[in-house]
């Protein structure tokens, strides 16, 4: 067995990739070639930014070859029964059950909820007020999930759910989820004990909502109601614990990623006045009474979001763990090695995206990039199951902001920094409300 060349120090490599993934990965690739080896604390990684190698990886449907890309330490946050950690036929079965709520008419039913969530997040601001964009976009994303996924409808229930979610995520310090060894609470004290308490409070809220939903799904089109009624091919249903785990997965995977993406989009638009003006003109042209579906279909608005996800990817890498020895790029790799498409490097490749540092939505107008050259949601049979939901929400939230608010950017150039598992703008993007339109 042979591994590609790469750095030797597990500790230094882990720290560098965790802190500054784009710079670290680019430096290692330049020094060692592609693919390159990364000795990481979570396991040995072979990384690549070659589109053809990524295509080969994503095209595989061999359930016996690639396993879950999730780490055991994350079970504390998302549970045991989650599509993120499943492998083989079990993963395929679960994904089939979870896919319908995120596509077609079912997903479009959430449009008004997403627009209302956006208005609510900015409602208290007056002209001249300064704010941090990511705090507002987090409110948008959280309310959309609490209503469209969990099915909470009263303001009291929505607020309670939002507070429980934020408390749990706030207690989920990154180092607690990095290794099971950090998940200890001596004498029932410390950060891990705090996380367990907040997590239990969120669970109590979720289980109560699951019980109410099982009692009556009438008139409900939220995702929880669909999961309660869903059946596997053999007629079996999901247990309360199974549903809880998938709800937490949808929450963790969907809430912060969409919030950060929207914050990056507001930042990028307001750094490029001509792009902002064009996007706003497109939104204004469809009129105040435009349906959510009409807003979501606006081509330039969609291109702005697509370019944001290229220029400022939320996730730096995706993983595929080898379940057995395999040949990859000419190397005979042992079982347990994690193959890793480097999203941040692919999206900055000048051979794919000329002048990659330039923010240019026209790259995506009338053009559809190949899936192994544009991968903000991963790819293959483990592509993010909520990608369509996130894009739909992003388009409607952005259209609502452009149509109803005049904002001013207060920051200059912002670097991307690690925020839990995502890459967020440093400081969250400071802005000011100039006026309501």
Protein backbone atom coordinates (compact mmCIF):
# COMPACT_ATOMS: atom_id res chain seq x y z
CA UNK A 1 0.00 0.00 0.00
CA UNK A 2 1.23 3.53 -0.80
CA UNK A 3 -0.08 6.97 0.01
CA UNK A 4 0.47 10.19 -2.00
CA UNK A 5 3.07 12.62 -0.67
CA UNK A 6 2.07 15.11 2.01
CA UNK A 7 3.04 16.73 5.31
CA UNK A 8 4.10 14.57 8.25
CA UNK A 9 2.80 16.30 11.38
CA UNK A 10 -0.75 15.33 12.31
CA UNK A 11 -1.07 18.12 14.87
CA UNK A 12 0.22 20.96 12.68
CA UNK A 13 -1.70 19.78 9.62
CA UNK A 14 -4.94 19.56 11.58
CA UNK A 15 -4.49 23.04 13.06
CA UNK A 16 -3.63 24.63 9.72
CA UNK A 17 -6.50 23.03 7.81
CA UNK A 18 -8.97 23.82 10.61
CA UNK A 19 -7.95 27.48 10.89
CA UNK A 20 -7.24 28.49 7.29
CA UNK A 21 -8.47 25.70 5.02
CA UNK A 22 -8.22 27.50 1.68
CA UNK A 23 -4.68 28.72 2.23
CA UNK A 24 -3.48 25.47 3.82
CA UNK A 25 -4.96 23.21 1.15
CA UNK A 26 -3.61 25.40 -1.66
CA UNK A 27 -0.15 25.39 -0.09
CA UNK A 28 -0.11 21.61 0.36
CA UNK A 29 -1.31 21.02 -3.18
CA UNK A 30 1.34 23.33 -4.61
CA UNK A 31 4.07 21.62 -2.62
CA UNK A 32 3.05 17.96 -2.95
CA UNK A 33 0.99 17.78 -6.13
CA UNK A 34 -2.49 16.39 -6.63
CA UNK A 35 -3.67 14.18 -5.01
CA UNK A 36 -1.90 14.87 -1.72
CA UNK A 37 -1.96 13.21 1.70
CA UNK A 38 -3.09 14.91 4.92
CA UNK A 39 -2.43 13.23 8.28
CA UNK A 40 -5.41 14.55 10.27
CA UNK A 41 -6.58 13.92 13.81
CA UNK A 42 -9.83 12.46 12.48
CA UNK A 43 -8.04 10.04 10.18
CA UNK A 44 -5.79 9.81 7.12
CA UNK A 45 -7.05 11.95 4.22
CA UNK A 46 -6.20 11.90 0.51
CA UNK A 47 -7.30 15.22 -0.98
CA UNK A 48 -7.78 16.24 -4.59
CA UNK A 49 -9.01 19.18 -6.65
CA UNK A 50 -8.81 17.39 -10.00
CA UNK A 51 -12.31 17.42 -11.54
CA UNK A 52 -11.84 14.08 -13.29
CA UNK A 53 -10.84 12.36 -10.04
CA UNK A 54 -13.81 13.95 -8.30
CA UNK A 55 -16.06 12.78 -11.13
CA UNK A 56 -14.77 9.24 -10.67
CA UNK A 57 -15.45 9.46 -6.95
CA UNK A 58 -18.97 10.88 -7.25
CA UNK A 59 -19.95 8.50 -10.05
CA UNK A 60 -19.40 5.38 -7.96
CA UNK A 61 -22.55 3.61 -6.74
CA UNK A 62 -20.67 0.76 -5.06
CA UNK A 63 -22.19 0.66 -1.57
CA UNK A 64 -19.40 -1.66 -0.41
CA UNK A 65 -16.63 0.80 -1.31
CA UNK A 66 -17.44 4.15 0.30
CA UNK A 67 -18.84 4.69 3.76
CA UNK A 68 -20.22 7.58 5.76
CA UNK A 69 -18.25 10.80 5.78
CA UNK A 70 -19.56 11.67 9.25
CA UNK A 71 -17.40 11.25 12.34
CA UNK A 72 -18.43 9.24 15.38
CA UNK A 73 -18.00 12.29 17.62
CA UNK A 74 -20.88 14.07 15.86
CA UNK A 75 -23.42 11.50 17.06
CA UNK A 76 -23.89 13.57 20.20
CA UNK A 77 -25.26 16.40 18.09
CA UNK A 78 -27.23 14.62 15.38
CA UNK A 79 -27.95 11.20 16.90
CA UNK A 80 -27.53 7.61 15.73
CA UNK A 81 -30.29 7.30 13.12
CA UNK A 82 -29.22 9.89 10.59
CA UNK A 83 -28.68 9.71 6.85
CA UNK A 84 -25.32 11.46 7.33
CA UNK A 85 -23.86 8.48 9.18
CA UNK A 86 -25.60 5.62 7.37
CA UNK A 87 -23.84 3.39 4.87
CA UNK A 88 -24.71 0.97 2.09
CA UNK A 89 -28.30 -0.13 1.52
CA UNK A 90 -29.44 1.46 4.78
CA UNK A 91 -28.27 4.88 3.53
CA UNK A 92 -30.02 4.35 0.19
CA UNK A 93 -33.26 3.34 1.94
CA UNK A 94 -33.22 6.35 4.25
CA UNK A 95 -32.37 8.81 1.51
CA UNK A 96 -35.29 7.55 -0.59
CA UNK A 97 -37.64 8.20 2.33
CA UNK A 98 -36.30 11.72 3.02
CA UNK A 99 -36.08 13.02 -0.55
CA UNK A 100 -39.76 13.82 -1.42
CA UNK A 101 -40.26 16.72 1.06
CA UNK A 102 -37.39 18.64 -0.53
CA UNK A 103 -38.57 18.58 -4.13
CA UNK A 104 -41.47 19.66 -6.34
CA UNK A 105 -44.75 20.95 -5.02
CA UNK A 106 -44.01 19.90 -1.46
CA UNK A 107 -41.01 22.22 -1.25
CA UNK A 108 -42.76 25.09 -3.02
CA UNK A 109 -45.44 25.04 -0.33
CA UNK A 110 -42.87 26.60 2.01
CA UNK A 111 -42.37 29.73 -0.13
CA UNK A 112 -44.62 32.08 1.81
CA UNK A 113 -43.10 30.85 5.10
CA UNK A 114 -39.63 31.77 3.84
CA UNK A 115 -40.72 35.25 2.76
CA UNK A 116 -42.50 35.86 6.08
CA UNK A 117 -39.41 34.64 7.97
CA UNK A 118 -37.26 37.17 6.11
CA UNK A 119 -39.60 40.05 6.89
CA UNK A 120 -39.76 39.04 10.55
CA UNK A 121 -35.96 38.96 10.83
CA UNK A 122 -35.61 42.58 9.66
CA UNK A 123 -38.89 43.95 11.04
CA UNK A 124 -37.52 45.70 14.14
CA UNK A 125 -34.85 47.69 12.27
CA UNK A 126 -35.38 51.40 11.67
CA UNK A 127 -33.62 53.62 9.13
CA UNK A 128 -30.07 54.27 10.32
CA UNK A 129 -29.84 51.16 12.49
CA UNK A 130 -26.66 49.12 12.21
CA UNK A 131 -26.75 45.33 12.38
CA UNK A 132 -24.69 42.22 11.74
CA UNK A 133 -25.99 40.44 8.65
CA UNK A 134 -25.33 36.91 9.85
CA UNK A 135 -27.42 37.50 12.96
CA UNK A 136 -30.39 38.49 10.79
CA UNK A 137 -29.91 35.72 8.23
CA UNK A 138 -29.67 33.22 11.10
CA UNK A 139 -33.11 34.37 12.20
CA UNK A 140 -34.40 33.87 8.66
CA UNK A 141 -32.99 30.36 8.40
CA UNK A 142 -34.05 29.32 11.89
CA UNK A 143 -37.64 30.49 11.50
CA UNK A 144 -37.93 28.82 8.10
CA UNK A 145 -36.73 25.52 9.56
CA UNK A 146 -38.80 25.76 12.74
CA UNK A 147 -41.95 26.36 10.69
CA UNK A 148 -41.36 24.40 7.47
CA UNK A 149 -39.49 21.44 8.98
CA UNK A 150 -40.68 21.16 12.57
CA UNK A 151 -44.20 22.43 11.91
CA UNK A 152 -44.43 24.98 14.74
CA UNK A 153 -47.05 27.61 13.92
CA UNK A 154 -47.75 29.91 16.90
CA UNK A 155 -45.32 32.73 17.67
CA UNK A 156 -44.85 31.37 21.20
CA UNK A 157 -43.88 27.91 19.93
CA UNK A 158 -41.66 29.33 17.17
CA UNK A 159 -39.77 31.52 19.64
CA UNK A 160 -39.34 28.68 22.14
CA UNK A 161 -38.00 26.38 19.42
CA UNK A 162 -35.60 29.03 18.12
CA UNK A 163 -34.26 29.66 21.62
CA UNK A 164 -33.78 25.93 22.27
CA UNK A 165 -31.97 25.47 18.98
CA UNK A 166 -29.66 28.45 19.53
CA UNK A 167 -28.90 27.35 23.09
CA UNK A 168 -27.98 23.83 21.92
CA UNK A 169 -25.82 25.03 19.05
CA UNK A 170 -24.20 27.64 21.27
CA UNK A 171 -23.21 24.92 23.74
CA UNK A 172 -21.89 22.64 20.98
CA UNK A 173 -18.32 23.90 21.07
CA UNK A 174 -16.31 22.63 18.06
CA UNK A 175 -13.78 20.78 20.22
CA UNK A 176 -16.59 18.81 21.87
CA UNK A 177 -17.57 17.40 18.49
CA UNK A 178 -14.02 16.80 17.30
CA UNK A 179 -13.37 13.69 19.36
CA UNK A 180 -15.31 11.47 21.80
CA UNK A 181 -12.39 11.96 24.19
CA UNK A 182 -13.50 15.55 24.81
CA UNK A 183 -17.06 14.48 25.64
CA UNK A 184 -16.61 14.20 29.39
CA UNK A 185 -18.22 16.04 32.30
CA UNK A 186 -16.18 15.60 35.50
CA UNK A 187 -18.49 15.81 38.53
CA UNK A 188 -21.31 16.71 36.14
CA UNK A 189 -19.72 20.05 35.34
CA UNK A 190 -18.07 21.78 32.40
CA UNK A 191 -18.93 22.49 28.73
CA UNK A 192 -19.97 18.91 27.98
CA UNK A 193 -22.46 18.92 30.86
CA UNK A 194 -23.87 22.22 29.59
CA UNK A 195 -24.26 20.81 26.10
CA UNK A 196 -26.03 17.70 27.38
CA UNK A 197 -28.48 19.85 29.35
CA UNK A 198 -29.30 22.12 26.40
CA UNK A 199 -29.54 19.12 24.08
CA UNK A 200 -32.02 17.41 26.42
CA UNK A 201 -34.16 20.57 26.48
CA UNK A 202 -34.26 20.62 22.67
CA UNK A 203 -35.11 16.91 22.63
CA UNK A 204 -38.03 17.45 24.99
CA UNK A 205 -39.41 20.10 22.65
CA UNK A 206 -38.96 17.89 19.58
CA UNK A 207 -40.50 14.80 21.14
CA UNK A 208 -43.53 16.81 22.28
CA UNK A 209 -43.98 18.11 18.74
CA UNK A 210 -43.62 14.60 17.29
CA UNK A 211 -46.30 13.35 19.70
CA UNK A 212 -48.67 16.17 18.70
CA UNK A 213 -48.02 15.44 15.03
CA UNK A 214 -48.72 11.72 15.40
CA UNK A 215 -52.02 12.62 17.04
CA UNK A 216 -53.06 14.77 14.07
CA UNK A 217 -51.43 15.64 10.75
CA UNK A 218 -54.56 17.17 9.27
CA UNK A 219 -53.86 20.31 7.26
CA UNK A 220 -50.11 20.02 7.81
CA UNK A 221 -47.57 20.16 4.98
CA UNK A 222 -44.40 20.50 7.07
CA UNK A 223 -41.59 17.97 6.82
CA UNK A 224 -42.23 16.50 10.28
CA UNK A 225 -45.80 15.64 9.25
CA UNK A 226 -44.46 13.91 6.15
CA UNK A 227 -41.92 11.91 8.17
CA UNK A 228 -44.61 10.73 10.58
CA UNK A 229 -46.68 9.48 7.65
CA UNK A 230 -43.78 8.14 5.56
CA UNK A 231 -43.33 4.42 5.07
CA UNK A 232 -40.36 2.36 3.92
CA UNK A 233 -40.80 -0.08 1.05
CA UNK A 234 -41.56 -2.86 3.53
CA UNK A 235 -44.32 -0.80 5.14
CA UNK A 236 -42.34 0.05 8.26
CA UNK A 237 -42.44 3.51 9.80
CA UNK A 238 -39.88 5.67 11.56
CA UNK A 239 -39.80 5.56 15.36
CA UNK A 240 -39.93 8.77 17.40
CA UNK A 241 -36.19 8.45 18.05
CA UNK A 242 -35.48 7.98 14.33
CA UNK A 243 -37.50 11.08 13.47
CA UNK A 244 -35.80 13.08 16.21
CA UNK A 245 -32.38 12.19 14.82
CA UNK A 246 -33.30 13.17 11.27
CA UNK A 247 -34.89 16.43 12.47
CA UNK A 248 -31.69 17.33 14.30
CA UNK A 249 -29.67 16.44 11.21
CA UNK A 250 -31.84 18.66 9.00
CA UNK A 251 -31.50 21.43 11.54
CA UNK A 252 -27.72 21.24 11.94
CA UNK A 253 -27.01 20.69 8.25
CA UNK A 254 -29.50 23.28 7.03
CA UNK A 255 -29.70 26.15 9.46
CA UNK A 256 -26.17 27.50 9.66
CA UNK A 257 -25.18 26.77 6.06
CA UNK A 258 -28.09 28.76 4.59
CA UNK A 259 -27.62 31.60 7.08
CA UNK A 260 -23.94 31.94 6.23
CA UNK A 261 -24.63 31.71 2.50
CA UNK A 262 -27.15 34.57 2.72
CA UNK A 263 -24.71 36.71 4.72
CA UNK A 264 -22.01 36.15 2.07
CA UNK A 265 -24.52 37.04 -0.66
CA UNK A 266 -25.44 40.36 0.97
CA UNK A 267 -21.75 41.10 1.42
CA UNK A 268 -20.86 40.28 -2.20
CA UNK A 269 -23.78 42.22 -3.67
CA UNK A 270 -23.09 45.37 -1.68
CA UNK A 271 -19.43 45.31 -2.65
CA UNK A 272 -20.46 45.40 -6.32
CA UNK A 273 -23.01 48.21 -6.88
CA UNK A 274 -23.62 47.38 -10.55
CA UNK A 275 -24.44 43.77 -9.69
CA UNK A 276 -26.71 44.95 -6.86
CA UNK A 277 -28.55 47.34 -9.16
CA UNK A 278 -29.08 44.66 -11.80
CA UNK A 279 -30.39 42.13 -9.28
CA UNK A 280 -32.75 44.68 -7.73
CA UNK A 281 -34.06 45.78 -11.14
CA UNK A 282 -34.85 42.17 -12.00
CA UNK A 283 -36.76 41.70 -8.74
CA UNK A 284 -38.64 45.00 -9.14
CA UNK A 285 -39.64 44.13 -12.69
CA UNK A 286 -41.83 41.21 -11.63
CA UNK A 287 -43.94 43.44 -9.40
CA UNK A 288 -44.98 43.45 -5.75
CA UNK A 289 -47.53 40.69 -6.24
CA UNK A 290 -45.11 38.17 -7.73
CA UNK A 291 -45.53 34.65 -6.40
CA UNK A 292 -42.71 32.91 -4.54
CA UNK A 293 -42.27 30.64 -7.53
CA UNK A 294 -41.86 33.62 -9.90
CA UNK A 295 -39.22 35.15 -7.62
CA UNK A 296 -37.35 31.85 -7.30
CA UNK A 297 -37.16 31.51 -11.10
CA UNK A 298 -35.45 34.89 -11.68
CA UNK A 299 -32.28 34.02 -13.62
CA UNK A 300 -29.93 36.77 -12.49
CA UNK A 301 -30.98 36.42 -8.85
CA UNK A 302 -30.19 32.70 -9.08
CA UNK A 303 -26.87 33.40 -10.75
CA UNK A 304 -25.91 35.78 -7.91
CA UNK A 305 -26.47 33.02 -5.37
CA UNK A 306 -24.67 30.43 -7.49
CA UNK A 307 -21.65 32.73 -7.86
CA UNK A 308 -21.66 33.45 -4.13
CA UNK A 309 -21.48 29.73 -3.40
CA UNK A 310 -18.59 29.43 -5.86
CA UNK A 311 -16.65 32.46 -4.66
CA UNK A 312 -17.41 31.93 -0.97
CA UNK A 313 -18.07 28.20 -0.49
CA UNK A 314 -19.66 27.38 2.85
CA UNK A 315 -18.01 23.97 3.18
CA UNK A 316 -14.34 23.59 2.28
CA UNK A 317 -14.25 19.82 1.66
CA UNK A 318 -16.43 16.71 1.48
CA UNK A 319 -15.49 13.19 2.51
CA UNK A 320 -15.77 9.59 1.31
CA UNK A 321 -14.30 6.90 3.60
CA UNK A 322 -12.96 3.74 2.02
CA UNK A 323 -14.57 0.62 3.45
CA UNK A 324 -12.03 -1.62 1.74
CA UNK A 325 -8.71 -1.21 -0.11
CA UNK A 326 -9.01 0.50 -3.49
CA UNK A 327 -6.97 2.11 -6.24
CA UNK A 328 -7.33 5.88 -6.60
CA UNK A 329 -5.25 8.03 -8.97
CA UNK A 330 -2.76 5.17 -9.27
CA UNK A 331 -2.30 4.75 -5.52
CA UNK A 332 -3.25 1.55 -3.71
CA UNK A 333 -5.04 2.93 -0.67
CA UNK A 334 -5.93 0.92 2.44
CA UNK A 335 -9.38 0.73 3.99
CA UNK A 336 -10.09 3.62 6.35
CA UNK A 337 -8.51 6.32 4.20
CA UNK A 338 -10.82 9.29 3.62
CA UNK A 339 -10.98 10.59 0.05
CA UNK A 340 -11.56 14.31 0.05
CA UNK A 341 -12.62 16.56 -2.86
CA UNK A 342 -11.36 20.05 -1.94
CA UNK A 343 -14.26 22.33 -2.83
CA UNK A 344 -12.38 25.54 -2.08
CA UNK A 345 -9.62 24.63 -4.54
CA UNK A 346 -11.95 23.50 -7.33
CA UNK A 347 -13.94 26.74 -7.10
CA UNK A 348 -10.75 28.79 -7.37
CA UNK A 349 -9.29 26.89 -10.33
CA UNK A 350 -8.56 29.44 -13.13
CA UNK A 351 -8.81 26.69 -15.73
CA UNK A 352 -12.46 26.24 -14.80
CA UNK A 353 -13.31 29.78 -13.66
CA UNK A 354 -11.14 32.44 -15.36
CA UNK A 355 -10.13 35.23 -12.97
CA UNK A 356 -11.56 33.22 -10.05
CA UNK A 357 -11.20 36.03 -7.49
CA UNK A 358 -13.67 38.18 -9.45
CA UNK A 359 -17.32 38.06 -8.39
CA UNK A 360 -19.20 37.55 -11.65
CA UNK A 361 -22.73 36.07 -11.66
CA UNK A 362 -22.73 35.99 -15.46
CA UNK A 363 -20.63 32.83 -15.22
CA UNK A 364 -23.89 31.06 -14.38
CA UNK A 365 -26.30 32.78 -16.79
CA UNK A 366 -27.44 30.25 -19.35
CA UNK A 367 -24.66 27.92 -18.27
CA UNK A 368 -24.78 24.89 -16.04
CA UNK A 369 -21.42 23.85 -14.62
CA UNK A 370 -20.50 20.21 -14.51
CA UNK A 371 -21.25 18.65 -11.12
CA UNK A 372 -17.61 17.72 -10.50
CA UNK A 373 -16.52 21.34 -11.16
CA UNK A 374 -19.13 23.05 -8.99
CA UNK A 375 -19.88 21.33 -5.71
CA UNK A 376 -21.18 23.65 -2.97
CA UNK A 377 -23.47 20.84 -1.80
CA UNK A 378 -21.09 17.96 -2.40
CA UNK A 379 -22.02 15.42 -5.04
CA UNK A 380 -22.87 11.87 -6.01
CA UNK A 381 -25.26 9.80 -3.93
CA UNK A 382 -24.35 11.79 -0.81
CA UNK A 383 -25.08 15.24 -2.22
CA UNK A 384 -26.82 17.39 0.40
CA UNK A 385 -30.44 16.26 0.53
CA UNK A 386 -31.62 19.77 1.40
CA UNK A 387 -29.79 21.57 -1.44
CA UNK A 388 -32.98 22.50 -3.31
CA UNK A 389 -34.61 23.70 -0.08
CA UNK A 390 -31.60 25.89 0.74
CA UNK A 391 -31.41 27.40 -2.74
CA UNK A 392 -35.16 28.08 -2.78
CA UNK A 393 -34.96 29.77 0.62
CA UNK A 394 -31.90 31.79 -0.39
CA UNK A 395 -33.58 33.10 -3.55
CA UNK A 396 -36.78 34.10 -1.77
CA UNK A 397 -34.97 35.69 1.17
CA UNK A 398 -32.66 37.67 -1.13
CA UNK A 399 -35.55 38.78 -3.35
CA UNK A 400 -37.46 39.98 -0.28
CA UNK A 401 -34.52 41.99 1.03
CA UNK A 402 -33.82 43.58 -2.36
CA UNK A 403 -37.48 44.43 -2.91
CA UNK A 404 -38.13 45.92 0.52
CA UNK A 405 -34.86 47.24 1.99
CA UNK A 406 -32.00 49.59 1.09
CA UNK A 407 -28.87 48.41 2.88
CA UNK A 408 -25.35 49.78 3.23
CA UNK A 409 -22.22 47.69 3.76
CA UNK A 410 -19.98 48.94 6.57
CA UNK A 411 -17.14 46.45 6.11
CA UNK A 412 -14.28 46.35 3.66
CA UNK A 413 -12.78 43.10 2.44
CA UNK A 414 -13.60 40.21 4.77
CA UNK A 415 -11.75 36.90 5.05
CA UNK A 416 -13.48 33.58 5.57
CA UNK A 417 -13.07 32.14 9.05
CA UNK A 418 -14.06 28.80 10.54
CA UNK A 419 -17.43 28.92 12.33
CA UNK A 420 -18.17 25.42 13.62
CA UNK A 421 -18.12 23.37 10.38
CA UNK A 422 -18.72 26.24 7.95
CA UNK A 423 -16.63 29.06 6.48
CA UNK A 424 -18.24 32.37 7.44
CA UNK A 425 -17.33 36.04 6.83
CA UNK A 426 -15.21 37.37 9.69
CA UNK A 427 -17.32 39.54 11.95
CA UNK A 428 -20.55 38.44 10.30
CA UNK A 429 -20.82 41.40 7.84
CA UNK A 430 -21.68 44.75 9.42
CA UNK A 431 -24.44 46.64 7.63
CA UNK A 432 -26.83 49.59 8.07
CA UNK A 433 -30.47 49.93 7.09
CA UNK A 434 -30.61 53.06 4.94
CA UNK A 435 -34.33 52.97 4.19
CA UNK A 436 -37.37 50.79 3.64
CA UNK A 437 -38.55 50.77 0.06
